[in-house]
Amino acid sequence: MRYLALAADYDETIAAQGQVRMETFAALSLLRKSGRRTILVTGRELPDLRRVCPRLDLFDRVVAENGALLYRPQTGEEVALAGPPQAALVERLRELGIPVSAGRSLVATREPHHAAVVEAVRSLRLDLEVVRNNGAVMLLPPGVDKRSGLSVALSELGLSLRNTVAVGDAENDEAMLGASECGVAVANARASVKEVADLVLREHRGHGVEELIARLINDDLRSVLLARHALLVGERRDGTGLRISPAARVLIAGPSGKATAAARLLAGVVAAGYQCCLVMDGRRVEGVPCVGSSGWAPSIDAVLRLLQRPNLHAAACLTAVPLRERPAFLDALLPRLQQMRSRLGRPHWIVIDEAHQHFPREAEPPTRTLQRGLGGVLLLTAHPERLSAAVLQGVDTVLAAGDRPEETLRPFGQGRPEPLLEGEVLSWSNGQIEPLRMLAGEP
């Protein structure tokens, strides 16, 4: 599965006029039985939410007060994610006759009091953000919103935003939808929410969430194209960019220049929030914990322990592993990584240096080691002619660096482009061979 978590707003998303249909609760239960996690993310205060929603047990985590409070339904624990409300502000608003409620961190009222609230915050010189949501006016510390609260909840569950679907209807949902891998708007959502969403549902409110859950269970949203997450690799001579899927299978080959090309590609992967597992021979990457050295072979369990943290990458150094034993090491590692991907959706990218040593032509790898659809794969080699035919057939993008790149791309097509300019590589993607200038700047 690619999508392992559903984050849903409450009012006018799973609920209509504060009430949730039994059919929506049943759909949430089915989603959990599929192995996915559910997270409720709402602007309501927790006591009020408990009053209107009798099935909070269907959620692995609840983020209340628009990101300021985390609730664990299984244990009843509450964790404040921001400081307490400013007593002076609550007092001032009440003096002005404005109806106000104060939660653990949130201060809230409703229209038409927005202008008066903004003036009160200014006059008291408070550093607060004023958030509007379907007629509600909420005040929170800077940086506290549904995205920040959802991130904390996912971290507790060992999951990533890159494996999350978020659904909502109102302005305060936009940050959450934009941060998630797939942002979804119910049919009754505001126009601004539909504009940022990757998918707009046909149905309204709970009916729409039921529609979304059915699609998640049936095909893991494979039919939803996520153009905004396509990774920019480089620029063609006509000025257009070459973009690849976050689940692409890329080969970078050539006698020189492949490390720089790979680093520039991976810089974009990491900047987009995807987790990487690197299998390398001696080379270290700054900021990436490395298991193994020239004196000792890496432990697969140690690599997997590092990858349990969604925001951490990991590298396995194979310098101490004899060449003849490296295919067997990878045959042991890759199934464990695939199992982790099935369970947590990570690591999103598996990077294998000196790929011809791990997938030699004379020893075809089992197809299970490079399953499609669960994440990206990047292979590096100076000797593509030594790679297994099965691996070459599974590649969808090739970048050829160094001298005579047309030789590298011979197995993929007959194109003979013009001589390359300085800084260009030869690329093959979607059956086309063309020059490509990699992303500018030092990786």
Protein backbone atom coordinates (compact mmCIF):
# COMPACT_ATOMS: atom_id res chain seq x y z
CA MET A 1 0.00 0.00 0.00
CA ARG A 2 1.13 3.51 -0.78
CA TYR A 3 -1.42 5.32 1.42
CA LEU A 4 -1.30 4.11 5.00
CA ALA A 5 -3.09 6.95 6.81
CA LEU A 6 -6.28 8.95 6.32
CA ALA A 7 -6.45 12.35 8.04
CA ALA A 8 -9.98 13.76 8.08
CA ASP A 9 -11.55 17.01 9.20
CA TYR A 10 -14.72 16.71 11.29
CA ASP A 11 -17.34 19.42 10.65
CA GLU A 12 -18.85 19.33 7.16
CA THR A 13 -16.32 16.64 6.14
CA ILE A 14 -17.10 13.43 7.98
CA ALA A 15 -19.96 15.14 9.86
CA ALA A 16 -23.01 17.09 8.73
CA GLN A 17 -24.29 19.66 11.25
CA GLY A 18 -22.08 18.01 13.88
CA GLN A 19 -23.38 14.45 13.38
CA VAL A 20 -21.66 11.50 11.67
CA ARG A 21 -23.64 8.92 9.71
CA MET A 22 -23.41 5.31 10.93
CA GLU A 23 -22.37 4.38 7.39
CA THR A 24 -19.38 6.73 7.69
CA PHE A 25 -18.35 5.13 10.98
CA ALA A 26 -18.66 1.71 9.30
CA ALA A 27 -16.44 2.85 6.42
CA LEU A 28 -13.79 4.11 8.87
CA SER A 29 -13.87 0.73 10.61
CA LEU A 30 -13.33 -1.05 7.27
CA LEU A 31 -10.41 1.25 6.49
CA ARG A 32 -8.73 0.33 9.77
CA LYS A 33 -9.27 -3.36 9.04
CA SER A 34 -7.39 -2.85 5.75
CA GLY A 35 -4.28 -2.05 7.81
CA ARG A 36 -4.45 1.72 7.49
CA ARG A 37 -4.48 4.31 10.29
CA THR A 38 -7.09 7.01 10.83
CA ILE A 39 -6.50 10.47 12.27
CA LEU A 40 -9.21 13.02 13.06
CA VAL A 41 -7.99 16.63 12.68
CA THR A 42 -10.47 19.26 13.84
CA GLY A 43 -10.78 22.81 15.05
CA ARG A 44 -13.16 21.73 17.83
CA GLU A 45 -12.14 21.61 21.46
CA LEU A 46 -11.91 18.09 22.84
CA PRO A 47 -14.83 18.21 25.35
CA ASP A 48 -17.12 19.50 22.61
CA LEU A 49 -15.85 16.84 20.21
CA ARG A 50 -16.51 14.07 22.74
CA ARG A 51 -20.06 15.39 23.13
CA VAL A 52 -20.92 15.18 19.43
CA CYS A 53 -18.80 12.21 18.27
CA PRO A 54 -19.39 8.92 20.14
CA ARG A 55 -16.82 6.89 18.14
CA LEU A 56 -13.48 8.54 18.73
CA ASP A 57 -12.19 4.99 19.28
CA LEU A 58 -12.23 4.61 15.47
CA PHE A 59 -9.29 7.01 15.27
CA ASP A 60 -5.68 6.18 16.12
CA ARG A 61 -5.08 9.82 17.02
CA VAL A 62 -7.23 12.93 17.34
CA VAL A 63 -5.75 16.37 16.68
CA ALA A 64 -8.06 18.97 18.25
CA GLU A 65 -8.04 22.77 18.60
CA ASN A 66 -6.80 23.19 15.02
CA GLY A 67 -3.47 21.52 15.74
CA ALA A 68 -2.88 22.60 19.33
CA LEU A 69 -3.92 19.42 21.18
CA LEU A 70 -3.16 15.73 20.59
CA TYR A 71 -5.49 13.10 22.01
CA ARG A 72 -4.83 9.34 22.16
CA PRO A 73 -8.25 7.65 22.25
CA GLN A 74 -6.83 4.26 23.22
CA THR A 75 -5.35 5.57 26.48
CA GLY A 76 -7.29 8.79 27.07
CA GLU A 77 -4.06 10.82 27.19
CA GLU A 78 -4.01 14.46 26.12
CA VAL A 79 -0.86 16.29 25.01
CA ALA A 80 -0.80 20.07 24.59
CA LEU A 81 1.12 21.03 21.45
CA ALA A 82 1.11 24.76 22.25
CA GLY A 83 1.07 27.04 25.27
CA PRO A 84 -2.07 27.98 27.23
CA PRO A 85 -4.36 30.76 25.97
CA GLN A 86 -3.56 34.34 26.91
CA ALA A 87 -5.76 35.20 29.89
CA ALA A 88 -5.55 38.93 29.07
CA LEU A 89 -6.96 38.28 25.61
CA VAL A 90 -9.87 36.19 26.89
CA GLU A 91 -10.66 38.86 29.45
CA ARG A 92 -10.51 41.67 26.86
CA LEU A 93 -12.83 39.86 24.45
CA ARG A 94 -15.34 39.19 27.19
CA GLU A 95 -15.21 42.84 28.26
CA LEU A 96 -16.11 43.73 24.68
CA GLY A 97 -19.13 41.46 24.89
CA ILE A 98 -17.70 38.97 22.37
CA PRO A 99 -18.71 35.34 23.03
CA VAL A 100 -15.48 33.38 23.45
CA SER A 101 -14.36 29.89 24.40
CA ALA A 102 -10.88 28.93 25.57
CA GLY A 103 -9.39 25.46 25.23
CA ARG A 104 -5.98 24.14 26.23
CA SER A 105 -4.39 26.54 23.72
CA LEU A 106 -7.13 27.73 21.38
CA VAL A 107 -9.22 30.88 21.81
CA ALA A 108 -12.27 30.89 19.57
CA THR A 109 -15.29 32.99 18.67
CA ARG A 110 -17.41 33.47 15.55
CA GLU A 111 -18.24 36.07 12.94
CA PRO A 112 -19.00 38.94 12.85
CA HIS A 113 -16.30 39.50 15.49
CA HIS A 114 -13.23 39.00 13.28
CA ALA A 115 -12.28 42.70 13.08
CA ALA A 116 -12.74 43.21 16.83
CA VAL A 117 -10.59 40.16 17.58
CA VAL A 118 -7.80 41.37 15.29
CA GLU A 119 -7.87 44.79 16.99
CA ALA A 120 -7.74 43.19 20.46
CA VAL A 121 -4.72 41.08 19.48
CA ARG A 122 -2.99 44.17 18.07
CA SER A 123 -3.71 46.37 21.08
CA LEU A 124 -2.40 43.72 23.49
CA ARG A 125 0.68 43.21 21.28
CA LEU A 126 0.20 39.47 21.20
CA ASP A 127 1.93 37.20 18.74
CA LEU A 128 -1.06 35.16 17.61
CA GLU A 129 -2.47 34.05 14.29
CA VAL A 130 -6.13 34.61 13.50
CA VAL A 131 -7.62 31.70 11.54
CA ARG A 132 -11.04 31.79 9.88
CA ASN A 133 -13.01 28.62 9.31
CA ASN A 134 -16.60 28.48 8.03
CA GLY A 135 -17.68 31.37 10.24
CA ALA A 136 -15.44 30.48 13.18
CA VAL A 137 -12.59 32.76 14.25
CA MET A 138 -9.70 31.01 16.01
CA LEU A 139 -6.57 32.39 17.64
CA LEU A 140 -3.43 30.26 17.93
CA PRO A 141 0.32 30.69 18.38
CA PRO A 142 2.28 31.11 15.12
CA GLY A 143 3.10 27.84 13.38
CA VAL A 144 0.28 25.90 15.04
CA ASP A 145 -2.19 24.57 12.51
CA LYS A 146 -3.66 21.31 11.25
CA ARG A 147 -0.47 20.50 9.36
CA SER A 148 1.73 20.82 12.46
CA GLY A 149 -0.65 18.77 14.60
CA LEU A 150 -1.00 16.07 11.94
CA SER A 151 2.79 15.83 11.67
CA VAL A 152 3.06 15.10 15.40
CA ALA A 153 0.34 12.45 15.21
CA LEU A 154 1.98 10.73 12.22
CA SER A 155 5.36 10.79 13.93
CA GLU A 156 3.89 8.98 16.93
CA LEU A 157 2.48 6.34 14.59
CA GLY A 158 5.76 5.98 12.70
CA LEU A 159 4.18 7.26 9.48
CA SER A 160 5.01 9.97 6.97
CA LEU A 161 3.07 12.77 5.29
CA ARG A 162 4.26 11.18 2.05
CA ASN A 163 1.97 8.20 2.74
CA THR A 164 -1.03 10.20 3.96
CA VAL A 165 -4.34 11.18 2.37
CA ALA A 166 -6.01 14.23 3.94
CA VAL A 167 -9.62 15.26 3.34
CA GLY A 168 -11.35 18.49 4.32
CA ASP A 169 -13.72 21.27 3.30
CA ALA A 170 -12.64 24.64 4.73
CA GLU A 171 -9.85 27.22 4.79
CA ASN A 172 -8.12 25.80 7.84
CA ASP A 173 -7.78 22.44 6.05
CA GLU A 174 -5.70 23.83 3.21
CA ALA A 175 -2.32 23.51 4.98
CA MET A 176 -3.05 19.89 5.88
CA LEU A 177 -4.16 19.01 2.35
CA GLY A 178 -1.17 20.73 0.80
CA ALA A 179 1.31 18.98 3.09
CA SER A 180 -0.10 15.49 2.56
CA GLU A 181 0.82 13.28 -0.37
CA CYS A 182 -2.78 13.39 -1.60
CA GLY A 183 -5.11 16.24 -0.63
CA VAL A 184 -8.83 15.60 -1.10
CA ALA A 185 -11.83 17.95 -1.01
CA VAL A 186 -15.39 16.81 -0.39
CA ALA A 187 -17.92 18.08 -2.93
CA ASN A 188 -19.21 20.74 -0.51
CA ALA A 189 -15.73 22.21 0.07
CA ARG A 190 -14.99 25.87 -0.50
CA ALA A 191 -13.60 26.81 -3.91
CA SER A 192 -10.16 27.64 -2.47
CA VAL A 193 -9.92 24.15 -0.95
CA LYS A 194 -10.86 22.50 -4.24
CA GLU A 195 -8.12 24.50 -5.95
CA VAL A 196 -5.38 23.05 -3.73
CA ALA A 197 -6.82 19.51 -3.69
CA ASP A 198 -5.45 16.68 -5.84
CA LEU A 199 -8.88 15.04 -5.88
CA VAL A 200 -12.38 16.52 -5.57
CA LEU A 201 -14.96 13.94 -4.56
CA ARG A 202 -18.35 13.60 -6.24
CA GLU A 203 -20.23 13.28 -2.96
CA HIS A 204 -20.79 15.70 -0.06
CA ARG A 205 -19.60 15.38 3.56
CA GLY A 206 -19.77 11.84 4.97
CA HIS A 207 -20.97 10.40 1.68
CA GLY A 208 -17.82 11.81 0.09
CA VAL A 209 -15.57 10.35 2.81
CA GLU A 210 -17.22 6.97 2.24
CA GLU A 211 -16.48 7.35 -1.49
CA LEU A 212 -12.84 8.15 -0.68
CA ILE A 213 -12.47 5.19 1.69
CA ALA A 214 -13.93 2.83 -0.93
CA ARG A 215 -11.34 4.02 -3.47
CA LEU A 216 -8.53 3.65 -0.95
CA ILE A 217 -9.49 0.08 -0.16
CA ASN A 218 -10.18 -0.88 -3.79
CA ASP A 219 -7.10 0.50 -5.57
CA ASP A 220 -5.05 2.58 -3.11
CA LEU A 221 -5.92 5.68 -5.22
CA ARG A 222 -3.76 4.46 -8.11
CA SER A 223 -6.14 6.23 -10.48
CA VAL A 224 -5.32 9.65 -8.95
CA LEU A 225 -2.49 11.41 -10.81
CA LEU A 226 -0.40 13.57 -8.49
CA ALA A 227 1.35 15.94 -10.87
CA ARG A 228 2.47 18.28 -8.08
CA HIS A 229 4.71 15.56 -6.60
CA ALA A 230 6.55 14.77 -9.83
CA LEU A 231 10.29 15.26 -9.23
CA LEU A 232 12.17 17.65 -11.51
CA VAL A 233 15.30 15.95 -12.83
CA GLY A 234 16.59 18.53 -15.28
CA GLU A 235 15.85 20.82 -18.20
CA ARG A 236 15.62 19.97 -21.87
CA ARG A 237 17.09 22.26 -24.53
CA ASP A 238 13.63 23.61 -25.32
CA GLY A 239 13.28 24.80 -21.72
CA THR A 240 10.79 22.17 -20.60
CA GLY A 241 11.56 20.08 -17.55
CA LEU A 242 11.91 16.33 -17.31
CA ARG A 243 9.89 15.12 -14.33
CA ILE A 244 9.59 11.64 -12.91
CA SER A 245 7.21 9.90 -10.53
CA PRO A 246 8.16 9.59 -6.85
CA ALA A 247 7.91 5.84 -7.52
CA ALA A 248 10.15 5.89 -10.62
CA ARG A 249 12.87 3.31 -11.34
CA VAL A 250 15.94 5.24 -12.44
CA LEU A 251 19.34 4.11 -13.73
CA ILE A 252 22.27 6.55 -13.76
CA ALA A 253 25.21 5.08 -15.64
CA GLY A 254 28.57 6.10 -17.06
CA PRO A 255 32.28 6.07 -16.32
CA SER A 256 32.16 9.54 -14.72
CA GLY A 257 29.67 12.13 -13.53
CA LYS A 258 27.09 9.68 -12.24
CA ALA A 259 27.66 10.53 -8.55
CA THR A 260 27.02 14.22 -9.17
CA ALA A 261 23.92 13.48 -11.26
CA ALA A 262 22.63 11.14 -8.54
CA ALA A 263 23.29 13.66 -5.78
CA ARG A 264 21.36 16.35 -7.62
CA LEU A 265 18.42 14.01 -8.18
CA LEU A 266 18.43 12.89 -4.55
CA ALA A 267 18.60 16.49 -3.34
CA GLY A 268 15.15 16.95 -4.88
CA VAL A 269 13.92 13.66 -3.44
CA VAL A 270 15.00 14.64 0.07
CA ALA A 271 13.70 18.22 -0.25
CA ALA A 272 10.28 16.78 -1.13
CA GLY A 273 10.22 14.86 2.15
CA TYR A 274 10.88 11.33 0.86
CA GLN A 275 12.98 8.94 2.94
CA CYS A 276 15.99 7.19 1.35
CA CYS A 277 17.90 3.99 2.06
CA LEU A 278 21.32 3.92 0.39
CA VAL A 279 23.42 0.82 -0.31
CA MET A 280 26.95 2.06 -1.03
CA ASP A 281 30.57 1.02 -1.32
CA GLY A 282 32.71 3.26 0.84
CA ARG A 283 31.24 6.64 -0.14
CA ARG A 284 29.53 8.51 2.69
CA VAL A 285 26.79 11.09 2.40
CA GLU A 286 26.77 14.04 4.76
CA GLY A 287 23.87 13.90 7.22
CA VAL A 288 23.02 10.25 6.50
CA PRO A 289 23.83 7.76 9.31
CA CYS A 290 25.91 4.91 7.93
CA VAL A 291 25.88 1.29 9.11
CA GLY A 292 29.05 -0.68 8.32
CA SER A 293 32.60 0.41 7.52
CA SER A 294 35.82 -0.85 5.96
CA GLY A 295 36.28 -3.07 9.00
CA TRP A 296 32.82 -4.52 9.60
CA ALA A 297 29.84 -5.53 7.51
CA PRO A 298 26.51 -3.72 8.01
CA SER A 299 23.71 -5.24 10.04
CA ILE A 300 20.37 -5.30 8.23
CA ASP A 301 18.55 -4.94 11.56
CA ALA A 302 20.59 -1.80 12.34
CA VAL A 303 19.67 -0.27 8.98
CA LEU A 304 15.98 -0.97 9.55
CA ARG A 305 16.12 0.51 13.07
CA LEU A 306 17.37 3.80 11.63
CA LEU A 307 14.61 3.80 9.03
CA GLN A 308 11.93 3.43 11.70
CA ARG A 309 12.21 7.21 12.15
CA PRO A 310 10.32 8.84 9.24
CA ASN A 311 12.62 11.88 9.09
CA LEU A 312 15.88 9.89 9.06
CA HIS A 313 17.70 8.38 6.10
CA ALA A 314 20.09 5.43 6.36
CA ALA A 315 23.04 4.01 4.43
CA ALA A 316 24.54 0.54 4.39
CA CYS A 317 28.28 0.56 3.67
CA LEU A 318 29.39 -2.66 1.96
CA THR A 319 33.14 -2.06 1.86
CA ALA A 320 33.73 -5.01 4.21
CA VAL A 321 31.40 -7.33 2.25
CA PRO A 322 33.27 -9.40 -0.37
CA LEU A 323 32.10 -8.80 -3.94
CA ARG A 324 30.89 -12.37 -4.38
CA GLU A 325 28.67 -12.02 -1.29
CA ARG A 326 27.01 -8.71 -2.20
CA PRO A 327 24.16 -10.17 -4.29
CA ALA A 328 23.27 -12.42 -1.35
CA PHE A 329 23.38 -9.42 1.03
CA LEU A 330 20.97 -7.50 -1.18
CA ASP A 331 18.74 -10.56 -1.58
CA ALA A 332 18.46 -10.54 2.23
CA LEU A 333 18.02 -6.76 2.57
CA LEU A 334 15.52 -5.98 -0.18
CA PRO A 335 12.69 -8.26 1.04
CA ARG A 336 13.00 -6.66 4.49
CA LEU A 337 12.78 -3.20 2.91
CA GLN A 338 9.76 -4.28 0.87
CA GLN A 339 8.08 -5.57 4.03
CA MET A 340 8.75 -2.23 5.71
CA ARG A 341 7.34 -0.41 2.70
CA SER A 342 4.18 -2.51 2.87
CA ARG A 343 3.80 -1.74 6.57
CA LEU A 344 4.94 1.89 6.80
CA GLY A 345 5.20 3.07 3.20
CA ARG A 346 8.92 3.74 3.69
CA PRO A 347 11.71 4.02 2.71
CA HIS A 348 10.35 5.88 -0.28
CA TRP A 349 13.57 5.48 -2.30
CA ILE A 350 16.10 2.64 -2.38
CA VAL A 351 19.46 3.74 -3.82
CA ILE A 352 21.95 1.06 -4.89
CA ASP A 353 25.49 2.05 -5.87
CA GLU A 354 27.62 -0.28 -8.05
CA ALA A 355 24.39 -1.99 -9.09
CA HIS A 356 26.18 -4.39 -11.47
CA GLN A 357 27.79 -6.05 -8.42
CA HIS A 358 24.39 -6.72 -6.85
CA PHE A 359 22.44 -7.61 -9.99
CA PRO A 360 25.01 -9.29 -12.26
CA ARG A 361 23.86 -10.44 -15.67
CA GLU A 362 24.82 -14.03 -14.94
CA ALA A 363 22.57 -14.24 -11.84
CA GLU A 364 19.06 -12.98 -12.47
CA PRO A 365 17.50 -11.55 -9.26
CA PRO A 366 14.09 -12.77 -8.10
CA THR A 367 11.37 -10.35 -9.23
CA ARG A 368 10.24 -9.87 -5.63
CA THR A 369 13.34 -7.78 -4.87
CA LEU A 370 12.27 -4.89 -7.11
CA GLN A 371 8.50 -4.74 -6.77
CA ARG A 372 6.77 -1.90 -8.56
CA GLY A 373 4.47 0.71 -7.12
CA LEU A 374 5.72 0.85 -3.53
CA GLY A 375 8.42 3.48 -4.02
CA GLY A 376 11.34 4.72 -6.08
CA VAL A 377 14.51 2.85 -7.01
CA LEU A 378 17.78 4.48 -8.11
CA LEU A 379 20.58 2.31 -9.51
CA LEU A 380 24.11 3.59 -10.15
CA THR A 381 26.73 1.81 -12.22
CA ALA A 382 29.71 2.42 -14.48
CA HIS A 383 28.97 -0.86 -16.28
CA PRO A 384 25.34 -1.07 -17.39
CA GLU A 385 26.29 -3.84 -19.81
CA ARG A 386 26.94 -6.09 -16.80
CA LEU A 387 23.49 -5.53 -15.30
CA SER A 388 20.85 -8.22 -15.21
CA ALA A 389 18.47 -8.05 -18.17
CA ALA A 390 15.51 -8.26 -15.77
CA VAL A 391 16.70 -5.13 -13.98
CA LEU A 392 17.27 -3.22 -17.21
CA GLN A 393 13.77 -4.10 -18.40
CA GLY A 394 12.32 -2.69 -15.18
CA VAL A 395 13.95 0.74 -15.57
CA ASP A 396 11.76 3.63 -16.79
CA THR A 397 14.32 6.49 -16.80
CA VAL A 398 18.03 6.39 -17.66
CA LEU A 399 20.59 9.17 -17.29
CA ALA A 400 23.87 8.50 -19.12
CA ALA A 401 26.87 10.56 -17.98
CA GLY A 402 30.52 10.67 -19.00
CA ASP A 403 32.11 9.79 -22.33
CA ARG A 404 30.10 8.04 -25.06
CA PRO A 405 26.70 8.18 -23.33
CA GLU A 406 25.08 6.85 -26.51
CA GLU A 407 26.77 3.50 -25.76
CA THR A 408 25.10 3.45 -22.35
CA LEU A 409 21.69 4.03 -23.94
CA ARG A 410 22.14 1.54 -26.79
CA PRO A 411 19.89 -1.09 -25.11
CA PHE A 412 17.08 1.47 -24.76
CA GLY A 413 16.77 2.94 -28.26
CA GLN A 414 18.42 3.94 -31.52
CA GLY A 415 18.35 7.71 -31.12
CA ARG A 416 21.54 9.59 -31.99
CA PRO A 417 21.21 13.15 -30.60
CA GLU A 418 23.49 16.07 -31.31
CA PRO A 419 26.81 16.18 -29.39
CA LEU A 420 26.28 17.03 -25.74
CA LEU A 421 27.09 20.46 -24.42
CA GLU A 422 29.09 20.98 -21.25
CA GLY A 423 27.07 19.99 -18.17
CA GLU A 424 24.59 17.84 -20.10
CA VAL A 425 23.78 14.18 -19.77
CA LEU A 426 21.89 11.97 -22.19
CA SER A 427 18.49 10.88 -20.92
CA TRP A 428 16.06 8.14 -21.91
CA SER A 429 12.50 8.36 -20.67
CA ASN A 430 9.17 7.35 -22.21
CA GLY A 431 11.03 5.89 -25.17
CA GLN A 432 12.76 9.18 -26.05
CA ILE A 433 16.49 9.88 -26.04
CA GLU A 434 17.44 13.54 -25.59
CA PRO A 435 20.06 15.80 -24.02
CA LEU A 436 19.31 17.01 -20.51
CA ARG A 437 20.90 19.60 -18.29
CA MET A 438 20.72 18.47 -14.67
CA LEU A 439 19.45 20.78 -11.96
CA ALA A 440 21.83 23.67 -11.36
CA GLY A 441 23.87 24.15 -8.22
CA GLU A 442 26.09 21.98 -6.09
CA PRO A 443 24.26 19.04 -4.48
